[in-house]
C-alpha atoms as a PDB file:
ATOM      1  CA  MET A   1      20.405 -45.944  63.386  1.00  0.00           C
ATOM      2  CA  ASN A   2      21.868 -48.559  61.172  1.00  0.00           C
ATOM      3  CA  ILE A   3      23.635 -51.653  61.733  1.00  0.00           C
ATOM      4  CA  GLN A   4      26.906 -50.634  61.535  1.00  0.00           C
ATOM      5  CA  ARG A   5      26.514 -47.321  63.601  1.00  0.00           C
ATOM      6  CA  ARG A   6      24.903 -49.376  66.172  1.00  0.00           C
ATOM      7  CA  ARG A   7      28.372 -51.758  66.216  1.00  0.00           C
ATOM      8  CA  PHE A   8      30.622 -48.849  66.090  1.00  0.00           C
ATOM      9  CA  LEU A   9      28.935 -47.178  69.155  1.00  0.00           C
ATOM     10  CA  GLY A  10      28.989 -50.807  70.848  1.00  0.00           C
ATOM     11  CA  LEU A  11      32.781 -50.862  70.700  1.00  0.00           C
ATOM     12  CA  ALA A  12      33.040 -47.623  72.409  1.00  0.00           C
ATOM     13  CA  VAL A  13      30.457 -48.332  75.180  1.00  0.00           C
ATOM     14  CA  GLY A  14      32.248 -51.671  75.584  1.00  0.00           C
ATOM     15  CA  VAL A  15      35.392 -49.930  77.152  1.00  0.00           C
ATOM     16  CA  THR A  16      33.465 -48.674  79.835  1.00  0.00           C
ATOM     17  CA  ALA A  17      31.314 -51.521  80.427  1.00  0.00           C
ATOM     18  CA  LEU A  18      34.444 -54.024  80.817  1.00  0.00           C
ATOM     19  CA  PRO A  19      34.666 -54.648  84.700  1.00  0.00           C
ATOM     20  CA  ALA A  20      37.452 -52.369  86.123  1.00  0.00           C
ATOM     21  CA  THR A  21      39.713 -55.066  87.628  1.00  0.00           C
ATOM     22  CA  THR A  22      39.909 -56.739  84.023  1.00  0.00           C
ATOM     23  CA  ARG A  23      40.700 -53.471  82.382  1.00  0.00           C
ATOM     24  CA  VAL A  24      43.317 -52.697  85.197  1.00  0.00           C
ATOM     25  CA  ALA A  25      45.040 -55.955  84.877  1.00  0.00           C
ATOM     26  CA  ARG A  26      45.503 -56.065  81.001  1.00  0.00           C
ATOM     27  CA  ALA A  27      46.070 -52.231  80.786  1.00  0.00           C
ATOM     28  CA  GLN A  28      49.292 -52.993  83.306  1.00  0.00           C
ATOM     29  CA  ALA A  29      51.132 -55.074  80.508  1.00  0.00           C
ATOM     30  CA  TYR A  30      50.720 -52.443  77.784  1.00  0.00           C
ATOM     31  CA  PRO A  31      52.880 -51.230  76.238  1.00  0.00           C
ATOM     32  CA  ALA A  32      55.664 -53.948  76.410  1.00  0.00           C
ATOM     33  CA  ARG A  33      57.450 -52.583  72.931  1.00  0.00           C
ATOM     34  CA  SER A  34      57.174 -49.543  70.909  1.00  0.00           C
ATOM     35  CA  VAL A  35      53.964 -48.613  69.286  1.00  0.00           C
ATOM     36  CA  ARG A  36      53.401 -47.124  65.774  1.00  0.00           C
ATOM     37  CA  ILE A  37      50.844 -44.254  65.150  1.00  0.00           C
ATOM     38  CA  LEU A  38      49.998 -44.549  61.142  1.00  0.00           C
ATOM     39  CA  VAL A  39      49.206 -41.422  59.450  1.00  0.00           C
ATOM     40  CA  ALA A  40      47.670 -41.327  56.158  1.00  0.00           C
ATOM     41  CA  THR A  41      49.087 -37.895  55.112  1.00  0.00           C
ATOM     42  CA  THR A  42      52.565 -36.439  54.605  1.00  0.00           C
ATOM     43  CA  ALA A  43      54.898 -35.360  57.141  1.00  0.00           C
ATOM     44  CA  GLY A  44      54.551 -31.750  58.180  1.00  0.00           C
ATOM     45  CA  GLY A  45      50.661 -31.437  57.975  1.00  0.00           C
ATOM     46  CA  ALA A  46      48.424 -30.519  60.944  1.00  0.00           C
ATOM     47  CA  THR A  47      47.396 -34.480  61.147  1.00  0.00           C
ATOM     48  CA  ASP A  48      51.151 -35.424  61.100  1.00  0.00           C
ATOM     49  CA  LEU A  49      52.253 -32.753  63.558  1.00  0.00           C
ATOM     50  CA  ALA A  50      49.269 -33.419  65.941  1.00  0.00           C
ATOM     51  CA  ALA A  51      50.110 -37.482  65.670  1.00  0.00           C
ATOM     52  CA  ARG A  52      53.798 -36.466  66.717  1.00  0.00           C
ATOM     53  CA  LEU A  53      52.705 -34.541  69.690  1.00  0.00           C
ATOM     54  CA  VAL A  54      50.751 -37.467  70.997  1.00  0.00           C
ATOM     55  CA  ALA A  55      53.429 -39.815  70.202  1.00  0.00           C
ATOM     56  CA  GLN A  56      55.895 -37.581  72.271  1.00  0.00           C
ATOM     57  CA  TRP A  57      53.536 -37.268  75.115  1.00  0.00           C
ATOM     58  CA  LEU A  58      52.692 -40.997  75.451  1.00  0.00           C
ATOM     59  CA  THR A  59      56.367 -41.969  75.060  1.00  0.00           C
ATOM     60  CA  ASP A  60      57.155 -40.156  78.140  1.00  0.00           C
ATOM     61  CA  LYS A  61      54.325 -41.204  80.133  1.00  0.00           C
ATOM     62  CA  LEU A  62      54.066 -44.854  79.483  1.00  0.00           C
ATOM     63  CA  GLY A  63      57.958 -45.515  79.183  1.00  0.00           C
ATOM     64  CA  GLN A  64      58.088 -47.364  75.618  1.00  0.00           C
ATOM     65  CA  SER A  65      58.542 -45.641  72.316  1.00  0.00           C
ATOM     66  CA  PHE A  66      55.273 -44.267  70.230  1.00  0.00           C
ATOM     67  CA  PHE A  67      56.410 -43.189  66.880  1.00  0.00           C
ATOM     68  CA  VAL A  68      54.761 -41.799  64.095  1.00  0.00           C
ATOM     69  CA  GLU A  69      54.948 -43.634  60.626  1.00  0.00           C
ATOM     70  CA  ASN A  70      53.518 -41.984  57.470  1.00  0.00           C
ATOM     71  CA  ARG A  71      51.476 -43.857  54.738  1.00  0.00           C
ATOM     72  CA  PRO A  72      50.151 -41.037  52.504  1.00  0.00           C
ATOM     73  CA  GLY A  73      48.357 -41.671  49.124  1.00  0.00           C
ATOM     74  CA  GLY A  74      45.210 -42.611  47.607  1.00  0.00           C
ATOM     75  CA  ASN A  75      43.361 -39.494  49.451  1.00  0.00           C
ATOM     76  CA  ASN A  76      43.832 -41.401  52.785  1.00  0.00           C
ATOM     77  CA  ASN A  77      43.068 -44.753  51.675  1.00  0.00           C
ATOM     78  CA  ILE A  78      46.255 -46.200  51.730  1.00  0.00           C
ATOM     79  CA  GLY A  79      47.471 -45.524  54.999  1.00  0.00           C
ATOM     80  CA  THR A  80      43.685 -46.022  56.334  1.00  0.00           C
ATOM     81  CA  GLU A  81      43.978 -49.712  54.949  1.00  0.00           C
ATOM     82  CA  ALA A  82      47.206 -50.324  56.176  1.00  0.00           C
ATOM     83  CA  ALA A  83      45.919 -49.486  59.806  1.00  0.00           C
ATOM     84  CA  ALA A  84      42.658 -51.508  59.193  1.00  0.00           C
ATOM     85  CA  ARG A  85      44.348 -54.703  58.245  1.00  0.00           C
ATOM     86  CA  SER A  86      46.919 -54.378  61.294  1.00  0.00           C
ATOM     87  CA  PRO A  87      46.785 -56.603  64.307  1.00  0.00           C
ATOM     88  CA  ALA A  88      44.462 -55.497  66.960  1.00  0.00           C
ATOM     89  CA  ASP A  89      47.061 -55.832  69.924  1.00  0.00           C
ATOM     90  CA  GLY A  90      47.383 -52.027  70.666  1.00  0.00           C
ATOM     91  CA  TYR A  91      50.619 -51.780  68.952  1.00  0.00           C
ATOM     92  CA  THR A  92      49.511 -50.072  65.689  1.00  0.00           C
ATOM     93  CA  LEU A  93      47.120 -47.058  66.270  1.00  0.00           C
ATOM     94  CA  PHE A  94      45.974 -44.893  63.564  1.00  0.00           C
ATOM     95  CA  MET A  95      45.857 -40.938  63.510  1.00  0.00           C
ATOM     96  CA  ALA A  96      42.143 -40.735  61.527  1.00  0.00           C
ATOM     97  CA  ASN A  97      41.159 -37.325  59.942  1.00  0.00           C
ATOM     98  CA  SER A  98      38.026 -35.518  58.532  1.00  0.00           C
ATOM     99  CA  VAL A  99      38.746 -37.227  55.151  1.00  0.00           C
ATOM    100  CA  ASN A 100      38.105 -40.803  56.836  1.00  0.00           C
ATOM    101  CA  THR A 101      34.287 -39.957  57.362  1.00  0.00           C
ATOM    102  CA  ILE A 102      34.102 -38.411  53.776  1.00  0.00           C
ATOM    103  CA  ASN A 103      35.721 -41.189  52.244  1.00  0.00           C
ATOM    104  CA  ALA A 104      33.183 -43.711  53.601  1.00  0.00           C
ATOM    105  CA  SER A 105      30.513 -42.739  50.946  1.00  0.00           C
ATOM    106  CA  LEU A 106      32.564 -41.193  48.315  1.00  0.00           C
ATOM    107  CA  TYR A 107      33.970 -44.301  47.445  1.00  0.00           C
ATOM    108  CA  GLN A 108      31.925 -47.277  46.432  1.00  0.00           C
ATOM    109  CA  LYS A 109      34.803 -50.156  46.639  1.00  0.00           C
ATOM    110  CA  LEU A 110      36.812 -49.608  49.546  1.00  0.00           C
ATOM    111  CA  SER A 111      38.580 -52.670  50.863  1.00  0.00           C
ATOM    112  CA  TYR A 112      38.035 -51.641  54.556  1.00  0.00           C
ATOM    113  CA  ASN A 113      34.832 -50.087  56.333  1.00  0.00           C
ATOM    114  CA  PHE A 114      35.814 -47.310  58.344  1.00  0.00           C
ATOM    115  CA  ILE A 115      33.027 -47.570  60.649  1.00  0.00           C
ATOM    116  CA  ALA A 116      33.185 -51.277  61.149  1.00  0.00           C
ATOM    117  CA  ASP A 117      37.052 -51.869  61.235  1.00  0.00           C
ATOM    118  CA  PHE A 118      37.923 -49.560  63.831  1.00  0.00           C
ATOM    119  CA  ALA A 119      37.603 -48.731  67.492  1.00  0.00           C
ATOM    120  CA  PRO A 120      37.385 -45.332  68.510  1.00  0.00           C
ATOM    121  CA  VAL A 121      39.987 -43.991  71.428  1.00  0.00           C
ATOM    122  CA  VAL A 122      39.843 -39.935  71.122  1.00  0.00           C
ATOM    123  CA  ARG A 123      39.336 -36.819  69.173  1.00  0.00           C
ATOM    124  CA  ILE A 124      42.221 -34.732  69.614  1.00  0.00           C
ATOM    125  CA  VAL A 125      42.345 -31.606  67.206  1.00  0.00           C
ATOM    126  CA  ARG A 126      39.060 -29.694  66.049  1.00  0.00           C
ATOM    127  CA  SER A 127      39.858 -26.832  63.615  1.00  0.00           C
ATOM    128  CA  PRO A 128      37.374 -24.532  61.760  1.00  0.00           C
ATOM    129  CA  LEU A 129      37.649 -23.790  58.251  1.00  0.00           C
ATOM    130  CA  LEU A 130      37.213 -20.011  56.886  1.00  0.00           C
ATOM    131  CA  LEU A 131      34.760 -19.180  54.339  1.00  0.00           C
ATOM    132  CA  MET A 132      36.715 -16.595  52.461  1.00  0.00           C
ATOM    133  CA  VAL A 133      36.033 -14.653  49.204  1.00  0.00           C
ATOM    134  CA  HIS A 134      38.201 -12.612  46.877  1.00  0.00           C
ATOM    135  CA  PRO A 135      37.721  -8.695  47.301  1.00  0.00           C
ATOM    136  CA  SER A 136      36.312  -8.699  43.953  1.00  0.00           C
ATOM    137  CA  VAL A 137      33.315 -10.430  45.181  1.00  0.00           C
ATOM    138  CA  PRO A 138      30.455  -7.799  46.021  1.00  0.00           C
ATOM    139  CA  ALA A 139      29.483  -9.636  49.562  1.00  0.00           C
ATOM    140  CA  THR A 140      30.738  -8.562  52.778  1.00  0.00           C
ATOM    141  CA  THR A 141      28.368 -10.411  54.698  1.00  0.00           C
ATOM    142  CA  VAL A 142      27.215 -14.513  54.437  1.00  0.00           C
ATOM    143  CA  PRO A 143      23.603 -13.182  53.604  1.00  0.00           C
ATOM    144  CA  GLU A 144      25.127 -11.128  50.627  1.00  0.00           C
ATOM    145  CA  LEU A 145      27.139 -14.009  49.246  1.00  0.00           C
ATOM    146  CA  ILE A 146      24.222 -16.228  49.229  1.00  0.00           C
ATOM    147  CA  ALA A 147      22.031 -13.457  47.699  1.00  0.00           C
ATOM    148  CA  TYR A 148      24.742 -12.902  45.009  1.00  0.00           C
ATOM    149  CA  ALA A 149      25.390 -16.357  44.377  1.00  0.00           C
ATOM    150  CA  LYS A 150      21.559 -17.051  43.752  1.00  0.00           C
ATOM    151  CA  ALA A 151      21.434 -14.247  41.125  1.00  0.00           C
ATOM    152  CA  ASN A 152      24.404 -15.614  39.345  1.00  0.00           C
ATOM    153  CA  PRO A 153      24.302 -19.298  39.288  1.00  0.00           C
ATOM    154  CA  GLU A 154      27.628 -20.911  38.771  1.00  0.00           C
ATOM    155  CA  LYS A 155      29.283 -17.438  37.921  1.00  0.00           C
ATOM    156  CA  LEU A 156      31.301 -17.934  41.268  1.00  0.00           C
ATOM    157  CA  SER A 157      34.247 -20.341  41.088  1.00  0.00           C
ATOM    158  CA  ILE A 158      34.913 -22.170  44.543  1.00  0.00           C
ATOM    159  CA  GLY A 159      38.439 -23.761  45.078  1.00  0.00           C
ATOM    160  CA  SER A 160      39.291 -26.564  47.410  1.00  0.00           C
ATOM    161  CA  GLY A 161      42.295 -28.634  48.040  1.00  0.00           C
ATOM    162  CA  GLY A 162      41.069 -31.404  46.016  1.00  0.00           C
ATOM    163  CA  HIS A 163      38.061 -33.623  45.189  1.00  0.00           C
ATOM    164  CA  GLY A 164      36.661 -35.013  48.373  1.00  0.00           C
ATOM    165  CA  SER A 165      38.534 -32.592  50.798  1.00  0.00           C
ATOM    166  CA  THR A 166      37.278 -31.213  53.655  1.00  0.00           C
ATOM    167  CA  GLY A 167      37.085 -27.868  51.725  1.00  0.00           C
ATOM    168  CA  HIS A 168      35.351 -29.489  49.068  1.00  0.00           C
ATOM    169  CA  MET A 169      32.439 -30.962  51.163  1.00  0.00           C
ATOM    170  CA  ALA A 170      32.019 -27.853  53.279  1.00  0.00           C
ATOM    171  CA  GLY A 171      31.405 -25.931  49.876  1.00  0.00           C
ATOM    172  CA  GLN A 172      29.186 -28.762  48.650  1.00  0.00           C
ATOM    173  CA  LEU A 173      27.318 -28.724  52.010  1.00  0.00           C
ATOM    174  CA  PHE A 174      26.891 -24.760  51.856  1.00  0.00           C
ATOM    175  CA  MET A 175      25.298 -24.975  48.354  1.00  0.00           C
ATOM    176  CA  MET A 176      23.042 -27.952  49.471  1.00  0.00           C
ATOM    177  CA  LEU A 177      21.680 -25.622  52.259  1.00  0.00           C
ATOM    178  CA  THR A 178      21.433 -22.427  50.482  1.00  0.00           C
ATOM    179  CA  GLY A 179      20.057 -23.639  46.980  1.00  0.00           C
ATOM    180  CA  THR A 180      22.998 -21.928  45.417  1.00  0.00           C
ATOM    181  CA  ARG A 181      25.424 -23.197  42.748  1.00  0.00           C
ATOM    182  CA  MET A 182      29.078 -22.500  42.278  1.00  0.00           C
ATOM    183  CA  LEU A 183      31.602 -24.108  40.033  1.00  0.00           C
ATOM    184  CA  HIS A 184      33.860 -26.218  41.974  1.00  0.00           C
ATOM    185  CA  VAL A 185      37.693 -26.029  41.173  1.00  0.00           C
ATOM    186  CA  PRO A 186      39.594 -28.678  42.823  1.00  0.00           C
ATOM    187  CA  TYR A 187      43.411 -28.192  43.512  1.00  0.00           C
ATOM    188  CA  ARG A 188      46.407 -30.625  44.153  1.00  0.00           C
ATOM    189  CA  GLY A 189      46.468 -29.087  47.810  1.00  0.00           C
ATOM    190  CA  GLU A 190      44.760 -26.384  49.590  1.00  0.00           C
ATOM    191  CA  SER A 191      48.041 -24.022  49.225  1.00  0.00           C
ATOM    192  CA  LEU A 192      47.398 -24.081  45.372  1.00  0.00           C
ATOM    193  CA  ALA A 193      43.961 -23.123  45.841  1.00  0.00           C
ATOM    194  CA  MET A 194      44.597 -20.299  48.225  1.00  0.00           C
ATOM    195  CA  THR A 195      46.978 -19.090  45.757  1.00  0.00           C
ATOM    196  CA  ASP A 196      44.082 -18.739  43.075  1.00  0.00           C
ATOM    197  CA  LEU A 197      42.285 -17.237  45.280  1.00  0.00           C
ATOM    198  CA  LEU A 198      44.579 -14.420  46.123  1.00  0.00           C
ATOM    199  CA  GLY A 199      45.164 -13.716  42.605  1.00  0.00           C
ATOM    200  CA  GLY A 200      41.309 -13.909  41.799  1.00  0.00           C
ATOM    201  CA  GLN A 201      41.293 -17.192  39.575  1.00  0.00           C
ATOM    202  CA  VAL A 202      38.742 -18.442  42.046  1.00  0.00           C
ATOM    203  CA  GLN A 203      36.349 -16.187  44.001  1.00  0.00           C
ATOM    204  CA  VAL A 204      35.497 -18.135  47.068  1.00  0.00           C
ATOM    205  CA  ALA A 205      36.828 -20.883  49.255  1.00  0.00           C
ATOM    206  CA  PHE A 206      36.396 -22.923  52.440  1.00  0.00           C
ATOM    207  CA  ALA A 207      40.087 -23.117  53.789  1.00  0.00           C
ATOM    208  CA  THR A 208      41.642 -24.701  56.864  1.00  0.00           C
ATOM    209  CA  SER A 209      42.619 -22.177  59.463  1.00  0.00           C
ATOM    210  CA  GLY A 210      46.259 -23.449  59.461  1.00  0.00           C
ATOM    211  CA  SER A 211      46.476 -22.610  56.180  1.00  0.00           C
ATOM    212  CA  ALA A 212      44.527 -19.554  55.457  1.00  0.00           C
ATOM    213  CA  ILE A 213      44.549 -17.604  58.881  1.00  0.00           C
ATOM    214  CA  ALA A 214      47.604 -15.501  57.948  1.00  0.00           C
ATOM    215  CA  TYR A 215      45.740 -14.387  54.616  1.00  0.00           C
ATOM    216  CA  ALA A 216      42.774 -13.619  56.825  1.00  0.00           C
ATOM    217  CA  LYS A 217      44.639 -11.569  59.088  1.00  0.00           C
ATOM    218  CA  ALA A 218      46.269  -9.653  56.633  1.00  0.00           C
ATOM    219  CA  GLY A 219      43.222  -8.689  54.760  1.00  0.00           C
ATOM    220  CA  THR A 220      44.251  -9.899  51.675  1.00  0.00           C
ATOM    221  CA  VAL A 221      40.979 -11.881  51.163  1.00  0.00           C
ATOM    222  CA  ARG A 222      37.724 -11.242  52.983  1.00  0.00           C
ATOM    223  CA  THR A 223      36.816 -13.656  55.809  1.00  0.00           C
ATOM    224  CA  LEU A 224      33.118 -13.856  56.031  1.00  0.00           C
ATOM    225  CA  ALA A 225      32.542 -16.678  58.335  1.00  0.00           C
ATOM    226  CA  LEU A 226      34.095 -19.806  60.507  1.00  0.00           C
ATOM    227  CA  THR A 227      32.404 -23.136  60.111  1.00  0.00           C
ATOM    228  CA  THR A 228      32.285 -24.093  63.697  1.00  0.00           C
ATOM    229  CA  GLN A 229      31.438 -22.081  67.145  1.00  0.00           C
ATOM    230  CA  ASP A 230      35.101 -21.663  68.065  1.00  0.00           C
ATOM    231  CA  ARG A 231      36.762 -18.103  67.437  1.00  0.00           C
ATOM    232  CA  LEU A 232      40.105 -17.610  66.353  1.00  0.00           C
ATOM    233  CA  ASP A 233      42.476 -15.002  67.971  1.00  0.00           C
ATOM    234  CA  GLY A 234      43.010 -12.146  66.048  1.00  0.00           C
ATOM    235  CA  LEU A 235      40.117 -12.765  63.513  1.00  0.00           C
ATOM    236  CA  ASP A 236      36.337 -11.023  63.871  1.00  0.00           C
ATOM    237  CA  ALA A 237      34.268 -13.507  61.840  1.00  0.00           C
ATOM    238  CA  PRO A 238      31.050 -15.057  62.883  1.00  0.00           C
ATOM    239  CA  PRO A 239      30.157 -18.676  63.037  1.00  0.00           C
ATOM    240  CA  LEU A 240      28.388 -19.795  59.830  1.00  0.00           C
ATOM    241  CA  ALA A 241      25.805 -21.477  61.794  1.00  0.00           C
ATOM    242  CA  GLN A 242      24.407 -17.778  62.702  1.00  0.00           C
ATOM    243  CA  PHE A 243      23.214 -17.566  59.199  1.00  0.00           C
ATOM    244  CA  LEU A 244      22.850 -21.534  58.399  1.00  0.00           C
ATOM    245  CA  PRO A 245      21.491 -23.069  61.724  1.00  0.00           C
ATOM    246  CA  GLY A 246      23.109 -26.405  62.358  1.00  0.00           C
ATOM    247  CA  PHE A 247      26.073 -25.762  59.781  1.00  0.00           C
ATOM    248  CA  GLU A 248      29.231 -27.377  61.542  1.00  0.00           C
ATOM    249  CA  VAL A 249      32.338 -28.556  59.566  1.00  0.00           C
ATOM    250  CA  SER A 250      35.648 -28.934  61.171  1.00  0.00           C
ATOM    251  CA  GLY A 251      39.107 -30.437  60.089  1.00  0.00           C
ATOM    252  CA  TRP A 252      39.513 -32.819  62.904  1.00  0.00           C
ATOM    253  CA  SER A 253      41.911 -35.660  63.729  1.00  0.00           C
ATOM    254  CA  GLY A 254      42.021 -38.340  66.421  1.00  0.00           C
ATOM    255  CA  ILE A 255      43.175 -41.796  67.323  1.00  0.00           C
ATOM    256  CA  VAL A 256      41.415 -44.976  66.531  1.00  0.00           C
ATOM    257  CA  ALA A 257      42.635 -48.320  66.803  1.00  0.00           C
ATOM    258  CA  PRO A 258      41.881 -51.799  64.890  1.00  0.00           C
ATOM    259  CA  ARG A 259      38.537 -53.338  65.625  1.00  0.00           C
ATOM    260  CA  HIS A 260      39.127 -55.940  68.377  1.00  0.00           C
ATOM    261  CA  THR A 261      41.982 -53.870  70.154  1.00  0.00           C
ATOM    262  CA  PRO A 262      41.561 -54.823  73.765  1.00  0.00           C
ATOM    263  CA  ALA A 263      39.127 -52.644  75.595  1.00  0.00           C
ATOM    264  CA  ALA A 264      41.489 -51.951  78.321  1.00  0.00           C
ATOM    265  CA  ILE A 265      44.174 -50.667  76.237  1.00  0.00           C
ATOM    266  CA  VAL A 266      41.635 -48.391  74.429  1.00  0.00           C
ATOM    267  CA  ALA A 267      40.527 -47.149  77.873  1.00  0.00           C
ATOM    268  CA  LEU A 268      44.221 -46.757  78.600  1.00  0.00           C
ATOM    269  CA  LEU A 269      45.021 -44.559  75.812  1.00  0.00           C
ATOM    270  CA  ASN A 270      41.874 -42.445  76.069  1.00  0.00           C
ATOM    271  CA  LYS A 271      43.041 -41.478  79.687  1.00  0.00           C
ATOM    272  CA  GLU A 272      46.463 -40.600  78.784  1.00  0.00           C
ATOM    273  CA  ILE A 273      45.577 -38.450  75.745  1.00  0.00           C
ATOM    274  CA  ASN A 274      42.812 -36.904  77.813  1.00  0.00           C
ATOM    275  CA  ALA A 275      45.609 -36.017  80.271  1.00  0.00           C
ATOM    276  CA  ALA A 276      47.565 -34.582  77.400  1.00  0.00           C
ATOM    277  CA  ILE A 277      44.594 -32.329  76.258  1.00  0.00           C
ATOM    278  CA  ALA A 278      44.375 -30.845  79.736  1.00  0.00           C
ATOM    279  CA  ASP A 279      48.094 -30.028  79.663  1.00  0.00           C
ATOM    280  CA  PRO A 280      48.235 -26.127  78.908  1.00  0.00           C
ATOM    281  CA  LYS A 281      51.375 -26.820  76.824  1.00  0.00           C
ATOM    282  CA  PHE A 282      50.008 -29.436  74.838  1.00  0.00           C
ATOM    283  CA  ARG A 283      46.818 -27.331  74.279  1.00  0.00           C
ATOM    284  CA  GLN A 284      49.123 -24.486  73.078  1.00  0.00           C
ATOM    285  CA  SER A 285      50.665 -26.705  70.771  1.00  0.00           C
ATOM    286  CA  ILE A 286      47.714 -27.602  69.035  1.00  0.00           C
ATOM    287  CA  ALA A 287      46.087 -24.019  68.873  1.00  0.00           C
ATOM    288  CA  ASP A 288      49.688 -23.306  67.170  1.00  0.00           C
ATOM    289  CA  LEU A 289      48.282 -25.748  64.728  1.00  0.00           C
ATOM    290  CA  GLY A 290      45.006 -23.911  64.211  1.00  0.00           C
ATOM    291  CA  GLY A 291      42.973 -25.829  66.140  1.00  0.00           C
ATOM    292  CA  SER A 292      41.461 -26.726  69.713  1.00  0.00           C
ATOM    293  CA  SER A 293      41.483 -29.960  71.527  1.00  0.00           C
ATOM    294  CA  PRO A 294      37.928 -31.600  72.166  1.00  0.00           C
ATOM    295  CA  GLY A 295      39.248 -34.706  74.074  1.00  0.00           C
ATOM    296  CA  GLY A 296      36.277 -36.582  75.855  1.00  0.00           C
ATOM    297  CA  SER A 297      35.426 -40.361  76.107  1.00  0.00           C
ATOM    298  CA  SER A 298      35.523 -42.996  73.241  1.00  0.00           C
ATOM    299  CA  ALA A 299      31.773 -43.082  73.409  1.00  0.00           C
ATOM    300  CA  GLU A 300      31.850 -39.344  72.403  1.00  0.00           C
ATOM    301  CA  PHE A 301      34.072 -39.695  69.719  1.00  0.00           C
ATOM    302  CA  ALA A 302      32.383 -42.885  68.199  1.00  0.00           C
ATOM    303  CA  ARG A 303      29.159 -40.684  68.135  1.00  0.00           C
ATOM    304  CA  PHE A 304      30.849 -37.951  66.449  1.00  0.00           C
ATOM    305  CA  LEU A 305      32.585 -40.047  63.834  1.00  0.00           C
ATOM    306  CA  ALA A 306      28.999 -41.760  63.281  1.00  0.00           C
ATOM    307  CA  ASP A 307      27.222 -38.646  62.951  1.00  0.00           C
ATOM    308  CA  GLU A 308      30.057 -37.307  60.480  1.00  0.00           C
ATOM    309  CA  THR A 309      29.831 -40.163  58.505  1.00  0.00           C
ATOM    310  CA  GLU A 310      26.010 -39.909  57.929  1.00  0.00           C
ATOM    311  CA  LYS A 311      26.340 -36.027  57.206  1.00  0.00           C
ATOM    312  CA  TRP A 312      28.902 -36.525  54.549  1.00  0.00           C
ATOM    313  CA  ALA A 313      26.645 -39.602  53.026  1.00  0.00           C
ATOM    314  CA  SER A 314      23.860 -37.169  52.478  1.00  0.00           C
ATOM    315  CA  VAL A 315      26.057 -34.536  50.946  1.00  0.00           C
ATOM    316  CA  VAL A 316      27.535 -36.938  48.686  1.00  0.00           C
ATOM    317  CA  LYS A 317      24.203 -38.269  47.385  1.00  0.00           C
ATOM    318  CA  PHE A 318      22.849 -34.892  47.072  1.00  0.00           C
ATOM    319  CA  ALA A 319      25.827 -33.608  45.077  1.00  0.00           C
ATOM    320  CA  GLY A 320      26.049 -36.761  42.786  1.00  0.00           C
ATOM    321  CA  ILE A 321      29.959 -36.890  43.899  1.00  0.00           C
ATOM    322  CA  LYS A 322      31.819 -39.736  42.712  1.00  0.00           C
ATOM    323  CA  ALA A 323      35.556 -40.567  43.511  1.00  0.00           C
ATOM    324  CA  GLU A 324      37.912 -39.396  40.853  1.00  0.00           C
END
């Protein structure tokens, strides 16, 4: 375990190690004013909508306004840097997502360190990706796709929502584990990749459930597998791990805070957001976005983030990917 990973996990452990009386005393004074939740994506996407659900819940429960502020651009880096540089007082939170753990190794010179500069609070959303192929591809199962791709290196084009996106990295992980080679075609957004998959300009894609589920259920593309163990209602697709043990990729989002945010505040936010996740209406709202709600402790979220960062670092190294 490297030094940064130990430090990150230590931040989460420190939340529970703080004496209970100290935690309560500090938490009682918070929040005394409005709290912003920075989101590094545009309004209307799954990460943004999940952040707004959390903001409304916390507003209702804690008596102060929690509001979302979008800072898109730079493949999430603009908003992430703004969050990392914010005061560690609990009045700026950040809705991190899967791209953050990818960027940690994809970019060689970031002005922040995702592992070192944030304290984890709680993971809120986990969404599977769908492994999809155009009907022209002579494969109806994952083993058939692997066999065809091996027999026809770089004949298949695999589309994604952009260089360094979760879909791009899922495809690279698939190729790393299977020894296949497909031609990556990045688009400026996943909807554009899906349009070309439907038209046959690309033949393969790993697409997030929110943008792809309608096409999958309609049968206009062939869904071979899901990238998590979660099942989606109305879709009969096996987990990819059934064919590639250990394969697990999700589009996720969760709340983190600038490093050195008081442990009492982190603990309070973790408690309140877990209460939201236990609420059936809140869980249904997340399900409507194509995901599920893991919840859990700050320490569990810290371990997840550290594991994800290490996983994507190995994929970036294997594929020789560099930020564009």
